[in-house]
Amino acid sequence: MKKSLKLFAVSIAAFMTAATMAGLASCGGDDALKSEAKVTLSYWNSISGSDSEYMQNLVRDFNEDYKGEIYVENDTLLEDAHYQRILTSFTDDSTADICLVHKSRLAAFERQERLRDMTEIISSAGISADDYVSDVWDSGVFDDKVYALPYDVLPVVLYYNRELIPEGYTEEQIRSDDFSLELMAEMMQAAYKHAPQASKRTYGIAFNYAYTEQMFLNFLYQYNGKVVEAENPLQPLYDGPEGVKAATALASIPFVEKDGNSVASQTGSDHMAIFLQGRALFTFDGVWAAPDACKKTEKCDAGVAFFPQAEGASKRVATADGHCFVLFKNKSQSEEKDAAISVFLKYLVEHSDVWCQGGKVAARADVMEKDSYKNLEWGYLSNSLENIISPPKVYTYNTLIEPIGKYMSQLCEGKLTDASAAIAQAAKDGKDAAEQL
């Protein structure tokens, strides 16, 4: 007879208590751990960057701790391949037992009716909405049921080099709630140092042309704009007055000039390399780049802050995606596996501070209180989670925003000069693509 979910979880806990008391030492490799386990879970994710070591270590440690009971097969692909594999697996219900996905994709999966209700499994793990800050938990809730467990928050942030903050300006200004785009431009101009060779210049900002989509969205939300509403998922809303303001604000960043020269690095340059070489006061990138960006060197002592506030904006807010654990409907689900999944999720959540060391913002109150998290350069960002806006739960969201980066990059490069026309074309392309879904 199969054990109930809760009884199985209790038996695992009892086993671990006994194992700890006995001081059992680990032995054998992964194959040995897998062969000994009563339950094996397949786990798909796209954590393939510099943060992959943190996930690998968490899974490895879990397998050691639950030796003889549960073994988790950690299977990682690059992001595009990861999602293609998930979609392909839907044809025969062969999806992994657990998958890590971005919360911006949840609505599309929910529309396809592929997500499993995780309410009981999460409850059995002792995890609830009360543990989370702001609206992060709500991202995985559909029709009052939990279909995804949030794991982190992933904003694109502003990095600054303390070594290059110009005289008369302070780090406190950069971190303050009212740090404005105008003040940032002043600091950029003050930090800029021209040299005939581009490789010898010090820039106000090493501009990340690949992330103009996220920059635009940050300014859009500052102007209280929207991308789309659930009531009309095929109609983009970001080409209105708020979107024009956001595009104009974005385009103003790279083209602040001093003595006829741009104080921003040009397209085609490696923004992060320039920043780490100590040749730029600012740069934009994801918080996931923080472990590398914030390694202190002789030329670069980096701090992290949210986006500056655009002129006339209501407040300094940011938009952020995040990772969520989901269970897709598959042919291998069972009560035993569900019980093991509950234990695995509880373990990962309880070790969220380790995961956040790989460049993630915590969404749980208990993690925010741990010194190991608070001491991170980016740990303090969790204190402002109320100013972070999650993607709307609309299945067309990713499709609608996909063209934005193309046109905003061209606007910043000077290839396009009309902000209104650029964002209108992005919205048209997005709508055309959404209608094909």
Protein backbone atom coordinates (compact mmCIF):
# COMPACT_ATOMS: atom_id res chain seq x y z
CA MET A 1 0.00 0.00 0.00
CA LYS A 2 1.25 3.49 -0.83
CA LYS A 3 2.07 5.84 1.99
CA SER A 4 0.20 9.12 2.20
CA LEU A 5 2.11 12.27 1.34
CA LYS A 6 2.42 13.39 4.93
CA LEU A 7 3.33 9.98 6.31
CA PHE A 8 6.07 9.59 3.72
CA ALA A 9 7.46 13.02 4.55
CA VAL A 10 7.46 12.10 8.23
CA SER A 11 9.27 8.83 7.52
CA ILE A 12 11.97 10.72 5.63
CA ALA A 13 12.36 13.17 8.49
CA ALA A 14 12.66 10.28 10.93
CA PHE A 15 15.28 8.65 8.76
CA MET A 16 17.30 11.82 8.60
CA THR A 17 17.16 12.31 12.35
CA ALA A 18 18.42 8.78 12.89
CA ALA A 19 21.12 9.22 10.25
CA THR A 20 22.31 12.46 11.82
CA MET A 21 22.43 10.98 15.30
CA ALA A 22 24.36 7.98 14.05
CA GLY A 23 26.86 10.26 12.32
CA LEU A 24 26.57 8.39 9.05
CA ALA A 25 29.27 9.33 6.53
CA SER A 26 28.51 9.62 2.83
CA CYS A 27 30.00 7.02 0.53
CA GLY A 28 29.93 6.23 -3.18
CA GLY A 29 29.28 8.54 -6.12
CA ASP A 30 26.08 9.75 -7.76
CA ASP A 31 25.29 6.35 -9.24
CA ALA A 32 25.54 4.76 -5.82
CA LEU A 33 23.30 7.40 -4.25
CA LYS A 34 20.75 6.93 -7.02
CA SER A 35 20.73 3.14 -6.77
CA GLU A 36 20.17 3.29 -3.02
CA ALA A 37 17.30 5.77 -3.17
CA LYS A 38 13.69 4.71 -2.74
CA VAL A 39 12.50 7.59 -4.92
CA THR A 40 14.29 9.28 -7.83
CA LEU A 41 13.13 12.70 -9.01
CA SER A 42 13.98 14.30 -12.35
CA TYR A 43 14.62 18.04 -12.14
CA TRP A 44 14.91 20.32 -15.18
CA ASN A 45 16.24 23.87 -15.03
CA SER A 46 18.10 26.45 -17.11
CA ILE A 47 20.63 27.49 -14.47
CA SER A 48 23.62 27.27 -16.79
CA GLY A 49 25.51 30.48 -16.02
CA SER A 50 27.91 31.36 -13.24
CA ASP A 51 25.12 30.68 -10.74
CA SER A 52 24.94 27.02 -11.80
CA GLU A 53 27.44 25.99 -9.13
CA TYR A 54 25.06 27.12 -6.41
CA MET A 55 22.23 24.98 -7.76
CA GLN A 56 24.53 22.02 -8.35
CA ASN A 57 25.82 22.26 -4.80
CA LEU A 58 22.32 22.46 -3.34
CA VAL A 59 21.19 19.36 -5.23
CA ARG A 60 24.40 17.52 -4.37
CA ASP A 61 24.04 18.34 -0.68
CA PHE A 62 20.39 17.30 -0.72
CA ASN A 63 21.26 13.95 -2.26
CA GLU A 64 23.90 13.39 0.40
CA ASP A 65 21.55 14.38 3.22
CA TYR A 66 18.73 12.16 1.95
CA LYS A 67 20.89 9.23 0.93
CA GLY A 68 18.89 6.03 0.78
CA GLU A 69 15.57 7.89 0.54
CA ILE A 70 15.52 10.46 -2.28
CA TYR A 71 17.79 11.13 -5.22
CA VAL A 72 17.35 14.19 -7.47
CA GLU A 73 18.69 14.10 -11.03
CA ASN A 74 19.75 17.66 -11.85
CA ASP A 75 19.39 18.24 -15.61
CA THR A 76 20.37 21.67 -16.96
CA LEU A 77 20.03 23.16 -20.44
CA LEU A 78 20.48 26.66 -21.83
CA GLU A 79 17.31 28.73 -21.44
CA ASP A 80 15.90 28.44 -24.97
CA ALA A 81 16.62 24.71 -25.11
CA HIS A 82 15.11 24.26 -21.64
CA TYR A 83 11.77 25.72 -22.66
CA GLN A 84 11.77 23.92 -25.99
CA ARG A 85 12.31 20.63 -24.17
CA ILE A 86 9.40 21.39 -21.85
CA LEU A 87 7.08 22.15 -24.77
CA THR A 88 8.18 19.01 -26.61
CA SER A 89 7.61 16.87 -23.53
CA PHE A 90 3.95 17.91 -23.42
CA THR A 91 3.24 15.70 -26.43
CA ASP A 92 3.65 12.50 -24.42
CA ASP A 93 3.53 13.73 -20.79
CA SER A 94 7.23 13.00 -20.31
CA THR A 95 8.06 16.23 -18.49
CA ALA A 96 10.39 16.08 -15.48
CA ASP A 97 8.97 15.65 -11.98
CA ILE A 98 10.04 19.21 -11.08
CA CYS A 99 10.88 22.15 -13.34
CA LEU A 100 12.27 25.60 -12.62
CA VAL A 101 10.73 28.26 -14.88
CA HIS A 102 10.40 32.04 -15.00
CA LYS A 103 7.24 33.49 -13.52
CA SER A 104 6.63 35.53 -16.68
CA ARG A 105 5.89 32.21 -18.44
CA LEU A 106 3.41 30.87 -15.90
CA ALA A 107 0.29 32.34 -17.51
CA ALA A 108 1.10 30.69 -20.84
CA PHE A 109 1.58 27.30 -19.17
CA GLU A 110 -1.61 27.78 -17.18
CA ARG A 111 -3.54 28.57 -20.37
CA GLN A 112 -2.27 25.30 -21.86
CA GLU A 113 -3.60 23.51 -18.75
CA ARG A 114 -0.23 21.85 -18.18
CA LEU A 115 0.41 22.99 -14.59
CA ARG A 116 -0.42 20.74 -11.66
CA ASP A 117 -2.02 22.12 -8.52
CA MET A 118 0.77 22.27 -5.91
CA THR A 119 -1.32 23.53 -3.01
CA GLU A 120 -1.22 20.31 -0.95
CA ILE A 121 2.43 19.56 -1.70
CA ILE A 122 3.54 23.04 -0.67
CA SER A 123 1.35 22.99 2.42
CA SER A 124 2.86 19.66 3.43
CA ALA A 125 6.29 21.28 3.20
CA GLY A 126 5.16 23.93 5.68
CA ILE A 127 5.42 26.73 3.11
CA SER A 128 2.76 29.43 2.87
CA ALA A 129 2.06 32.89 1.48
CA ASP A 130 2.84 34.38 4.89
CA ASP A 131 6.52 33.57 4.34
CA TYR A 132 6.77 35.85 1.30
CA VAL A 133 7.10 39.58 0.84
CA SER A 134 5.06 41.79 -1.50
CA ASP A 135 3.20 40.29 -4.47
CA VAL A 136 5.79 37.61 -5.26
CA TRP A 137 3.63 34.73 -3.98
CA ASP A 138 0.64 35.81 -6.08
CA SER A 139 2.55 35.18 -9.30
CA GLY A 140 1.94 31.44 -8.93
CA VAL A 141 -1.69 31.59 -7.81
CA PHE A 142 -4.50 30.95 -10.30
CA ASP A 143 -8.15 30.56 -9.23
CA ASP A 144 -7.06 30.53 -5.57
CA LYS A 145 -4.83 27.50 -6.09
CA VAL A 146 -1.03 27.44 -5.99
CA TYR A 147 0.52 26.32 -9.27
CA ALA A 148 4.05 27.65 -8.74
CA LEU A 149 6.39 28.16 -5.81
CA PRO A 150 8.46 31.39 -6.09
CA TYR A 151 12.17 30.99 -5.45
CA ASP A 152 13.72 34.41 -6.06
CA VAL A 153 13.35 37.87 -7.59
CA LEU A 154 15.38 38.86 -10.66
CA PRO A 155 15.51 42.61 -11.34
CA VAL A 156 17.84 44.31 -13.78
CA VAL A 157 19.81 46.71 -11.60
CA LEU A 158 22.23 49.62 -11.71
CA TYR A 159 25.84 48.83 -10.83
CA TYR A 160 28.14 51.64 -9.74
CA ASN A 161 31.87 51.79 -9.09
CA ARG A 162 32.65 53.42 -5.75
CA GLU A 163 36.15 54.21 -7.00
CA LEU A 164 34.74 56.51 -9.70
CA ILE A 165 32.03 58.42 -7.83
CA PRO A 166 32.88 62.05 -8.67
CA GLU A 167 33.79 64.54 -5.99
CA GLY A 168 30.70 66.19 -4.56
CA TYR A 169 28.51 63.11 -5.03
CA THR A 170 27.94 60.16 -2.69
CA GLU A 171 26.93 56.52 -2.67
CA GLU A 172 24.02 57.44 -0.41
CA GLN A 173 22.58 59.52 -3.24
CA ILE A 174 22.71 56.56 -5.62
CA ARG A 175 20.90 54.32 -3.14
CA SER A 176 18.34 56.87 -2.01
CA ASP A 177 14.67 56.56 -2.96
CA ASP A 178 14.79 59.80 -4.98
CA PHE A 179 17.93 59.12 -7.05
CA SER A 180 16.93 60.63 -10.37
CA LEU A 181 17.93 60.05 -13.98
CA GLU A 182 18.91 63.72 -14.08
CA LEU A 183 21.30 63.32 -11.14
CA MET A 184 22.68 60.16 -12.69
CA ALA A 185 23.40 62.10 -15.92
CA GLU A 186 25.26 64.76 -13.92
CA MET A 187 27.42 62.10 -12.31
CA MET A 188 28.05 60.46 -15.68
CA GLN A 189 29.33 63.71 -17.13
CA ALA A 190 31.51 64.39 -14.10
CA ALA A 191 33.03 60.89 -14.23
CA TYR A 192 33.69 60.90 -17.98
CA LYS A 193 37.30 61.24 -19.14
CA HIS A 194 38.00 61.50 -22.85
CA ALA A 195 40.92 59.86 -24.62
CA PRO A 196 41.57 59.55 -28.37
CA GLN A 197 41.57 55.78 -28.06
CA ALA A 198 38.24 54.36 -26.91
CA SER A 199 40.07 51.72 -24.87
CA LYS A 200 41.61 54.46 -22.74
CA ARG A 201 38.41 56.39 -21.96
CA THR A 202 36.53 56.40 -18.69
CA TYR A 203 32.81 56.41 -19.38
CA GLY A 204 29.91 57.71 -17.38
CA ILE A 205 28.15 54.46 -18.18
CA ALA A 206 29.10 51.23 -19.89
CA PHE A 207 25.78 50.87 -21.65
CA ASN A 208 24.16 47.43 -21.99
CA TYR A 209 22.40 47.58 -25.36
CA ALA A 210 21.16 43.99 -24.96
CA TYR A 211 18.91 44.87 -22.01
CA THR A 212 17.07 47.89 -23.40
CA GLU A 213 13.78 45.97 -23.21
CA GLN A 214 14.07 45.66 -19.43
CA MET A 215 15.24 49.26 -19.09
CA PHE A 216 12.20 50.45 -21.01
CA LEU A 217 9.86 48.36 -18.84
CA ASN A 218 11.37 49.81 -15.68
CA PHE A 219 10.67 53.35 -16.84
CA LEU A 220 7.23 52.36 -18.15
CA TYR A 221 6.16 51.20 -14.70
CA GLN A 222 7.60 54.34 -13.14
CA TYR A 223 5.14 56.29 -15.29
CA ASN A 224 2.32 53.96 -14.15
CA GLY A 225 2.12 52.41 -17.60
CA LYS A 226 1.10 48.85 -18.45
CA VAL A 227 2.20 46.24 -20.97
CA VAL A 228 -1.12 44.43 -21.30
CA GLU A 229 -4.27 43.57 -19.35
CA ALA A 230 -5.83 40.13 -18.95
CA GLU A 231 -9.15 41.39 -20.32
CA ASN A 232 -7.59 42.06 -23.73
CA PRO A 233 -4.44 39.94 -24.03
CA LEU A 234 -3.83 40.72 -27.71
CA GLN A 235 -3.71 44.49 -27.27
CA PRO A 236 -0.38 45.98 -26.10
CA LEU A 237 -0.73 49.08 -23.96
CA TYR A 238 2.87 50.25 -23.81
CA ASP A 239 2.67 52.43 -26.94
CA GLY A 240 0.60 55.09 -25.18
CA PRO A 241 1.83 58.34 -23.56
CA GLU A 242 3.53 56.46 -20.72
CA GLY A 243 5.45 54.30 -23.18
CA VAL A 244 6.62 57.32 -25.16
CA LYS A 245 7.88 58.90 -21.95
CA ALA A 246 9.67 55.67 -21.02
CA ALA A 247 11.32 55.37 -24.43
CA THR A 248 12.39 59.03 -24.29
CA ALA A 249 13.89 58.53 -20.82
CA LEU A 250 15.78 55.47 -21.99
CA ALA A 251 17.12 57.16 -25.10
CA SER A 252 18.44 60.06 -23.02
CA ILE A 253 20.92 57.85 -21.15
CA PRO A 254 23.57 57.07 -23.79
CA PHE A 255 23.54 60.43 -25.50
CA VAL A 256 24.38 62.80 -22.68
CA GLU A 257 27.31 64.64 -24.25
CA LYS A 258 30.32 66.51 -22.99
CA ASP A 259 32.62 68.40 -25.34
CA GLY A 260 30.93 66.75 -28.31
CA ASN A 261 31.61 63.22 -27.08
CA SER A 262 29.21 60.61 -25.80
CA VAL A 263 29.83 59.73 -22.17
CA ALA A 264 28.45 56.23 -22.76
CA SER A 265 30.20 53.27 -24.34
CA GLN A 266 29.08 52.52 -27.86
CA THR A 267 27.18 49.56 -29.23
CA GLY A 268 29.29 46.46 -29.79
CA SER A 269 31.41 47.00 -26.70
CA ASP A 270 31.41 44.62 -23.74
CA HIS A 271 29.70 46.68 -21.07
CA MET A 272 30.61 44.44 -18.15
CA ALA A 273 34.25 44.11 -19.18
CA ILE A 274 34.53 47.89 -19.40
CA PHE A 275 32.91 48.25 -15.98
CA LEU A 276 35.13 45.63 -14.32
CA GLN A 277 38.21 47.30 -15.82
CA GLY A 278 37.33 50.37 -13.78
CA ARG A 279 36.48 52.41 -16.87
CA ALA A 280 32.83 53.23 -16.20
CA LEU A 281 30.98 54.73 -13.27
CA PHE A 282 27.71 52.89 -14.05
CA THR A 283 26.36 49.92 -15.95
CA PHE A 284 23.04 48.06 -16.13
CA ASP A 285 22.74 44.29 -15.87
CA GLY A 286 20.75 41.61 -14.11
CA VAL A 287 21.22 41.03 -10.41
CA TRP A 288 22.44 37.55 -11.41
CA ALA A 289 25.67 39.23 -12.59
CA ALA A 290 26.35 40.56 -9.08
CA PRO A 291 28.70 37.81 -7.83
CA ASP A 292 31.14 38.64 -10.63
CA ALA A 293 30.44 42.38 -10.84
CA CYS A 294 30.88 42.87 -7.10
CA LYS A 295 34.22 41.12 -6.70
CA LYS A 296 36.34 43.95 -5.35
CA THR A 297 39.49 44.74 -7.29
CA GLU A 298 41.99 47.57 -7.33
CA LYS A 299 40.02 49.35 -10.06
CA CYS A 300 36.44 48.35 -9.31
CA ASP A 301 34.54 48.31 -6.03
CA ALA A 302 30.96 47.77 -7.16
CA GLY A 303 27.69 48.50 -5.43
CA VAL A 304 24.13 47.69 -6.54
CA ALA A 305 21.05 49.90 -6.74
CA PHE A 306 17.64 49.99 -8.39
CA PHE A 307 16.95 51.98 -11.55
CA PRO A 308 17.07 55.76 -11.25
CA GLN A 309 13.79 57.63 -11.21
CA ALA A 310 12.83 59.12 -14.55
CA GLU A 311 11.82 62.78 -14.78
CA GLY A 312 8.20 63.26 -13.71
CA ALA A 313 7.82 59.63 -12.61
CA SER A 314 5.71 58.84 -9.58
CA LYS A 315 8.40 56.87 -7.73
CA ARG A 316 11.54 54.77 -8.13
CA VAL A 317 10.06 51.36 -9.02
CA ALA A 318 11.44 48.40 -10.92
CA THR A 319 10.03 45.40 -12.74
CA ALA A 320 11.46 41.96 -12.10
CA ASP A 321 11.00 38.40 -13.24
CA GLY A 322 11.88 35.47 -11.01
CA HIS A 323 12.30 31.70 -10.84
CA CYS A 324 9.45 29.43 -9.76
CA PHE A 325 9.20 25.70 -9.16
CA VAL A 326 6.37 24.05 -11.04
CA LEU A 327 5.00 20.55 -11.53
CA PHE A 328 3.75 19.74 -15.00
CA LYS A 329 1.27 16.97 -15.64
CA ASN A 330 3.26 13.85 -16.46
CA LYS A 331 2.85 10.10 -16.64
CA SER A 332 5.27 9.36 -13.82
CA GLN A 333 3.53 11.25 -10.99
CA SER A 334 2.74 9.30 -7.84
CA GLU A 335 2.06 9.82 -4.16
CA GLU A 336 5.60 8.71 -3.32
CA LYS A 337 7.07 11.22 -5.74
CA ASP A 338 4.81 14.00 -4.50
CA ALA A 339 5.97 13.32 -0.97
CA ALA A 340 9.61 13.43 -2.07
CA ILE A 341 8.97 16.63 -4.04
CA SER A 342 7.58 18.24 -0.90
CA VAL A 343 10.76 17.37 0.99
CA PHE A 344 13.02 18.61 -1.82
CA LEU A 345 11.18 21.93 -2.15
CA LYS A 346 11.31 22.47 1.60
CA TYR A 347 15.06 21.87 1.53
CA LEU A 348 15.65 24.35 -1.31
CA VAL A 349 13.49 26.99 0.33
CA GLU A 350 15.23 26.59 3.68
CA HIS A 351 18.58 27.07 1.93
CA SER A 352 17.46 30.08 -0.12
CA ASP A 353 20.26 32.18 1.36
CA VAL A 354 22.77 29.88 -0.34
CA TRP A 355 20.93 30.22 -3.65
CA CYS A 356 20.82 34.01 -3.35
CA GLN A 357 24.60 34.13 -3.09
CA GLY A 358 24.56 33.35 -6.80
CA GLY A 359 23.02 36.75 -7.55
CA LYS A 360 19.36 36.61 -6.56
CA VAL A 361 17.09 38.83 -4.48
CA ALA A 362 15.28 37.00 -1.73
CA ALA A 363 11.50 37.12 -1.50
CA ARG A 364 11.14 35.42 1.88
CA ALA A 365 11.22 37.30 5.16
CA ASP A 366 13.28 34.65 6.95
CA VAL A 367 16.04 34.79 4.33
CA MET A 368 16.17 38.57 4.56
CA GLU A 369 17.03 38.26 8.26
CA LYS A 370 20.01 35.95 7.78
CA ASP A 371 23.43 37.58 8.08
CA SER A 372 24.69 35.48 5.16
CA TYR A 373 22.13 37.28 2.97
CA LYS A 374 22.20 40.73 4.55
CA ASN A 375 25.96 40.88 4.05
CA LEU A 376 25.64 40.49 0.28
CA GLU A 377 26.05 43.69 -1.75
CA TRP A 378 22.58 43.13 -3.17
CA GLY A 379 20.94 41.79 -0.01
CA TYR A 380 19.51 45.14 1.02
CA LEU A 381 17.37 45.27 -2.14
CA SER A 382 14.84 42.99 -0.43
CA ASN A 383 13.97 45.91 1.85
CA SER A 384 12.33 47.59 -1.16
CA LEU A 385 10.39 44.67 -2.61
CA GLU A 386 7.21 46.72 -2.40
CA ASN A 387 8.70 48.80 -5.23
CA ILE A 388 9.25 45.77 -7.46
CA ILE A 389 6.46 44.91 -9.90
CA SER A 390 5.99 41.35 -11.16
CA PRO A 391 5.06 40.61 -14.79
CA PRO A 392 1.29 40.50 -15.37
CA LYS A 393 -0.31 37.06 -15.43
CA VAL A 394 -1.20 37.28 -19.12
CA TYR A 395 -0.21 34.54 -21.55
CA THR A 396 0.84 36.98 -24.29
CA TYR A 397 3.20 39.00 -22.08
CA ASN A 398 6.55 37.59 -23.29
CA THR A 399 5.42 37.71 -26.90
CA LEU A 400 4.26 41.32 -26.68
CA ILE A 401 7.48 42.63 -25.13
CA GLU A 402 9.88 40.62 -27.31
CA PRO A 403 10.22 43.30 -30.07
CA ILE A 404 10.87 46.14 -27.61
CA GLY A 405 14.59 45.49 -27.28
CA LYS A 406 15.17 45.69 -31.04
CA TYR A 407 13.63 49.14 -31.42
CA MET A 408 14.86 50.57 -28.14
CA SER A 409 18.44 49.55 -28.95
CA GLN A 410 18.17 51.31 -32.30
CA LEU A 411 16.79 54.36 -30.55
CA CYS A 412 19.70 54.41 -28.11
CA GLU A 413 22.20 53.87 -30.93
CA GLY A 414 20.79 56.81 -32.87
CA LYS A 415 19.58 54.65 -35.76
CA LEU A 416 16.04 55.73 -34.85
CA THR A 417 15.26 59.24 -33.61
CA ASP A 418 11.49 59.23 -32.99
CA ALA A 419 10.69 57.60 -29.65
CA SER A 420 6.96 57.53 -30.36
CA ALA A 421 7.39 55.83 -33.73
CA ALA A 422 9.89 53.32 -32.31
CA ILE A 423 7.66 52.13 -29.54
CA ALA A 424 4.59 52.11 -31.81
CA GLN A 425 6.42 49.78 -34.21
CA ALA A 426 7.45 47.51 -31.33
CA ALA A 427 3.83 47.30 -30.19
CA LYS A 428 2.65 46.49 -33.71
CA ASP A 429 5.19 43.70 -34.09
CA GLY A 430 4.27 42.36 -30.66
CA LYS A 431 0.56 42.37 -31.43
CA ASP A 432 1.09 40.64 -34.78
CA ALA A 433 3.09 37.90 -33.04
CA ALA A 434 0.55 37.52 -30.21
CA GLU A 435 -2.25 36.99 -32.70
CA GLN A 436 -0.42 33.92 -33.96
CA LEU A 437 -0.38 32.21 -30.57
